[in-house]
Amino acid sequence: QVHVVESGGGLVQPGGSLRLSCAASGSISRLNVMGWYRQAPGEQRELVATITSRGIPNYAESIEGRFTISRDNANNTVYLQMNSLKPADTAVYYCNFRFLYETDYYWGQGTQVTVSS
């Protein structure tokens, strides 16, 4: 069983920064991918960024180079550094874990990010 817990959301002004954290636990020593997704009110959930257990990142074009995803494998934690935040970034951000070559997704509870003056 894999458990995923996010933290770090909050209220920030446009142009500000936030750092989200996602901790995974359980039997997770195999090759895997962790990532961040977001869902705004009335919208579908969309990919923000992913990173493999080998450290290979992938980003959605919509973030325009403003976000950075990273891993700390010693602590089984993934981070999302978000800079130059815009109101359009407002959403619930969800962390996801999956093993390579498998289709089951493990989701965290989500953390709210609100960008507003």
C-alpha atoms as a PDB file:
ATOM      1  CA  GLN A   1       0.000   0.000   0.000  1.00  0.00           C
ATOM      2  CA  VAL A   2       1.230   3.484  -0.932  1.00  0.00           C
ATOM      3  CA  HIS A   3       0.236   6.600   0.975  1.00  0.00           C
ATOM      4  CA  VAL A   4       0.679  10.142  -0.344  1.00  0.00           C
ATOM      5  CA  VAL A   5       0.393  13.350   1.685  1.00  0.00           C
ATOM      6  CA  GLU A   6       0.708  16.914   0.331  1.00  0.00           C
ATOM      7  CA  SER A   7       1.373  20.139   2.181  1.00  0.00           C
ATOM      8  CA  GLY A   8       2.459  23.718   1.556  1.00  0.00           C
ATOM      9  CA  GLY A   9      -0.556  25.330  -0.070  1.00  0.00           C
ATOM     10  CA  GLY A  10      -1.902  28.684   0.951  1.00  0.00           C
ATOM     11  CA  LEU A  11      -2.757  32.209  -0.098  1.00  0.00           C
ATOM     12  CA  VAL A  12      -0.152  34.190  -2.016  1.00  0.00           C
ATOM     13  CA  GLN A  13      -0.169  37.459  -3.942  1.00  0.00           C
ATOM     14  CA  PRO A  14       0.413  37.550  -7.697  1.00  0.00           C
ATOM     15  CA  GLY A  15       4.115  37.311  -8.424  1.00  0.00           C
ATOM     16  CA  GLY A  16       4.784  35.465  -5.194  1.00  0.00           C
ATOM     17  CA  SER A  17       6.138  31.995  -4.543  1.00  0.00           C
ATOM     18  CA  LEU A  18       5.081  28.801  -2.818  1.00  0.00           C
ATOM     19  CA  ARG A  19       6.770  25.474  -2.247  1.00  0.00           C
ATOM     20  CA  LEU A  20       4.608  22.368  -2.133  1.00  0.00           C
ATOM     21  CA  SER A  21       5.758  19.109  -0.560  1.00  0.00           C
ATOM     22  CA  CYS A  22       4.572  15.561  -1.159  1.00  0.00           C
ATOM     23  CA  ALA A  23       5.657  12.666   1.028  1.00  0.00           C
ATOM     24  CA  ALA A  24       5.131   9.082  -0.090  1.00  0.00           C
ATOM     25  CA  SER A  25       5.314   6.065   2.175  1.00  0.00           C
ATOM     26  CA  GLY A  26       4.878   2.326   1.934  1.00  0.00           C
ATOM     27  CA  SER A  27       6.556  -0.195  -0.337  1.00  0.00           C
ATOM     28  CA  ILE A  28       7.904   2.326  -2.845  1.00  0.00           C
ATOM     29  CA  SER A  29      11.441   1.159  -3.550  1.00  0.00           C
ATOM     30  CA  ARG A  30      10.645   0.149  -7.140  1.00  0.00           C
ATOM     31  CA  LEU A  31      10.931   2.476 -10.126  1.00  0.00           C
ATOM     32  CA  ASN A  32       8.181   5.046  -9.993  1.00  0.00           C
ATOM     33  CA  VAL A  33       6.882   8.408 -11.140  1.00  0.00           C
ATOM     34  CA  MET A  34       5.577  11.129  -8.868  1.00  0.00           C
ATOM     35  CA  GLY A  35       3.886  14.262 -10.029  1.00  0.00           C
ATOM     36  CA  TRP A  36       1.722  17.268  -9.363  1.00  0.00           C
ATOM     37  CA  TYR A  37      -1.699  17.832 -10.876  1.00  0.00           C
ATOM     38  CA  ARG A  38      -4.140  20.645 -10.298  1.00  0.00           C
ATOM     39  CA  GLN A  39      -7.859  21.199 -10.597  1.00  0.00           C
ATOM     40  CA  ALA A  40      -9.546  24.580 -10.650  1.00  0.00           C
ATOM     41  CA  PRO A  41     -13.263  24.986  -9.883  1.00  0.00           C
ATOM     42  CA  GLY A  42     -15.343  23.749 -12.799  1.00  0.00           C
ATOM     43  CA  GLU A  43     -12.279  22.477 -14.646  1.00  0.00           C
ATOM     44  CA  GLN A  44     -10.778  19.066 -15.285  1.00  0.00           C
ATOM     45  CA  ARG A  45      -7.709  17.929 -13.441  1.00  0.00           C
ATOM     46  CA  GLU A  46      -4.559  18.718 -15.415  1.00  0.00           C
ATOM     47  CA  LEU A  47      -0.918  17.758 -15.276  1.00  0.00           C
ATOM     48  CA  VAL A  48       1.535  20.267 -13.826  1.00  0.00           C
ATOM     49  CA  ALA A  49       4.794  18.320 -13.605  1.00  0.00           C
ATOM     50  CA  THR A  50       6.155  14.821 -13.041  1.00  0.00           C
ATOM     51  CA  ILE A  51       9.503  13.381 -12.038  1.00  0.00           C
ATOM     52  CA  THR A  52      10.730   9.804 -12.143  1.00  0.00           C
ATOM     53  CA  SER A  53      12.613   8.014  -9.396  1.00  0.00           C
ATOM     54  CA  ARG A  54      15.699   8.542 -11.574  1.00  0.00           C
ATOM     55  CA  GLY A  55      15.126  12.300 -11.524  1.00  0.00           C
ATOM     56  CA  ILE A  56      13.780  12.843 -15.043  1.00  0.00           C
ATOM     57  CA  PRO A  57      11.313  15.766 -15.011  1.00  0.00           C
ATOM     58  CA  ASN A  58       8.444  16.637 -17.308  1.00  0.00           C
ATOM     59  CA  TYR A  59       6.447  19.883 -17.295  1.00  0.00           C
ATOM     60  CA  ALA A  60       3.203  21.097 -18.725  1.00  0.00           C
ATOM     61  CA  GLU A  61       3.670  23.893 -21.240  1.00  0.00           C
ATOM     62  CA  SER A  62       1.217  26.081 -19.370  1.00  0.00           C
ATOM     63  CA  ILE A  63       3.578  26.739 -16.456  1.00  0.00           C
ATOM     64  CA  GLU A  64       5.906  28.640 -18.788  1.00  0.00           C
ATOM     65  CA  GLY A  65       9.097  27.685 -16.982  1.00  0.00           C
ATOM     66  CA  ARG A  66       7.941  29.153 -13.660  1.00  0.00           C
ATOM     67  CA  PHE A  67       7.813  25.892 -11.677  1.00  0.00           C
ATOM     68  CA  THR A  68      10.494  23.395 -10.712  1.00  0.00           C
ATOM     69  CA  ILE A  69       9.879  19.828  -9.562  1.00  0.00           C
ATOM     70  CA  SER A  70      12.499  17.968  -7.545  1.00  0.00           C
ATOM     71  CA  ARG A  71      12.910  14.815  -5.459  1.00  0.00           C
ATOM     72  CA  ASP A  72      14.562  13.895  -2.201  1.00  0.00           C
ATOM     73  CA  ASN A  73      14.692  10.127  -2.443  1.00  0.00           C
ATOM     74  CA  ALA A  74      16.246   9.755   0.996  1.00  0.00           C
ATOM     75  CA  ASN A  75      13.030  11.150   2.473  1.00  0.00           C
ATOM     76  CA  ASN A  76      10.662   9.879  -0.261  1.00  0.00           C
ATOM     77  CA  THR A  77       9.540  13.420  -0.883  1.00  0.00           C
ATOM     78  CA  VAL A  78       8.779  15.447  -4.012  1.00  0.00           C
ATOM     79  CA  TYR A  79       8.682  19.238  -4.106  1.00  0.00           C
ATOM     80  CA  LEU A  80       7.127  21.765  -6.421  1.00  0.00           C
ATOM     81  CA  GLN A  81       8.717  25.205  -6.284  1.00  0.00           C
ATOM     82  CA  MET A  82       6.277  27.691  -7.783  1.00  0.00           C
ATOM     83  CA  ASN A  83       7.489  31.173  -8.677  1.00  0.00           C
ATOM     84  CA  SER A  84       5.886  34.149 -10.403  1.00  0.00           C
ATOM     85  CA  LEU A  85       2.462  32.862  -9.485  1.00  0.00           C
ATOM     86  CA  LYS A  86      -0.571  34.144 -11.358  1.00  0.00           C
ATOM     87  CA  PRO A  87      -4.270  34.097 -10.478  1.00  0.00           C
ATOM     88  CA  ALA A  88      -4.707  31.427 -13.163  1.00  0.00           C
ATOM     89  CA  ASP A  89      -2.593  29.118 -10.996  1.00  0.00           C
ATOM     90  CA  THR A  90      -5.337  29.039  -8.365  1.00  0.00           C
ATOM     91  CA  ALA A  91      -6.428  25.431  -7.907  1.00  0.00           C
ATOM     92  CA  VAL A  92      -6.316  22.424  -5.657  1.00  0.00           C
ATOM     93  CA  TYR A  93      -2.958  20.784  -6.205  1.00  0.00           C
ATOM     94  CA  TYR A  94      -2.774  17.001  -5.947  1.00  0.00           C
ATOM     95  CA  CYS A  95       0.258  14.777  -5.626  1.00  0.00           C
ATOM     96  CA  ASN A  96       0.308  11.483  -7.497  1.00  0.00           C
ATOM     97  CA  PHE A  97       2.401   8.349  -7.256  1.00  0.00           C
ATOM     98  CA  ARG A  98       2.564   5.409  -9.641  1.00  0.00           C
ATOM     99  CA  PHE A  99       4.980   2.606 -10.354  1.00  0.00           C
ATOM    100  CA  LEU A 100       6.527   2.435 -13.798  1.00  0.00           C
ATOM    101  CA  TYR A 101       4.771  -0.023 -16.115  1.00  0.00           C
ATOM    102  CA  GLU A 102       1.655  -0.025 -13.913  1.00  0.00           C
ATOM    103  CA  THR A 103      -1.597   1.873 -14.293  1.00  0.00           C
ATOM    104  CA  ASP A 104      -2.834   2.348 -10.729  1.00  0.00           C
ATOM    105  CA  TYR A 105      -2.543   5.887  -9.380  1.00  0.00           C
ATOM    106  CA  TYR A 106      -2.143   6.814  -5.734  1.00  0.00           C
ATOM    107  CA  TRP A 107      -3.426  10.287  -4.888  1.00  0.00           C
ATOM    108  CA  GLY A 108      -2.959  12.632  -1.999  1.00  0.00           C
ATOM    109  CA  GLN A 109      -5.772  14.618  -0.436  1.00  0.00           C
ATOM    110  CA  GLY A 110      -4.897  17.856  -2.231  1.00  0.00           C
ATOM    111  CA  THR A 111      -3.712  21.232  -1.012  1.00  0.00           C
ATOM    112  CA  GLN A 112      -5.331  24.541  -1.935  1.00  0.00           C
ATOM    113  CA  VAL A 113      -3.287  27.214  -3.697  1.00  0.00           C
ATOM    114  CA  THR A 114      -4.925  30.608  -4.044  1.00  0.00           C
ATOM    115  CA  VAL A 115      -3.232  33.466  -5.902  1.00  0.00           C
ATOM    116  CA  SER A 116      -4.996  36.749  -5.230  1.00  0.00           C
ATOM    117  CA  SER A 117      -4.221  40.310  -4.213  1.00  0.00           C
END
